[in-house]
Amino acid sequence: KIVGGLYVWEGPRVYLSPTFCLTKEDVKEKCKGMKISAKSALSVEGFDVHVDGLELDGALIVNVKDGASLKIKNFKVKNEGWKIRAYDEGEEVDERDAIRGYEFVREGEERILIEEGDWIADENGLRRV
């Protein structure tokens, strides 16, 4: 897709924080059974997060603080996700954003913020264990 004269890849957008995974081995150990649609956005932060079954069609933001844990097991997320909106010519935009030529419009997302304790997200929802 061309946005503002630049090619923009339209596949899933995945951000795995260095607090979550540093190496390929970390990814193999912590990310199992993930199915992410082309329109999806995923962001994971936190040392003690393990995924064993995630079906994502939309946007999911996971942030697990130090000392807390989250196990994602057979968890399904479906929402509108993030859309790309090209900036209009002449639109007032911060220079660091203007260089990209577009912004993400967050039409729908699920957020999981774990500050303390041990949690699981599965087919029954999010709960403390």
Foldseek 3Di string as FASTA:
>chain_A
DAFPNDDDQQFEAEAEDVLQPDDPVSCVFAPAAEAEGGNEYEYEHHNAEHEHHEYEAAYEYEYEDPAEHEYEHAAYDHDPHWDKDFDDVPDDDDPVVVVVRIDIDGPDYHYHYHHHAYWYAHPVGIDGD
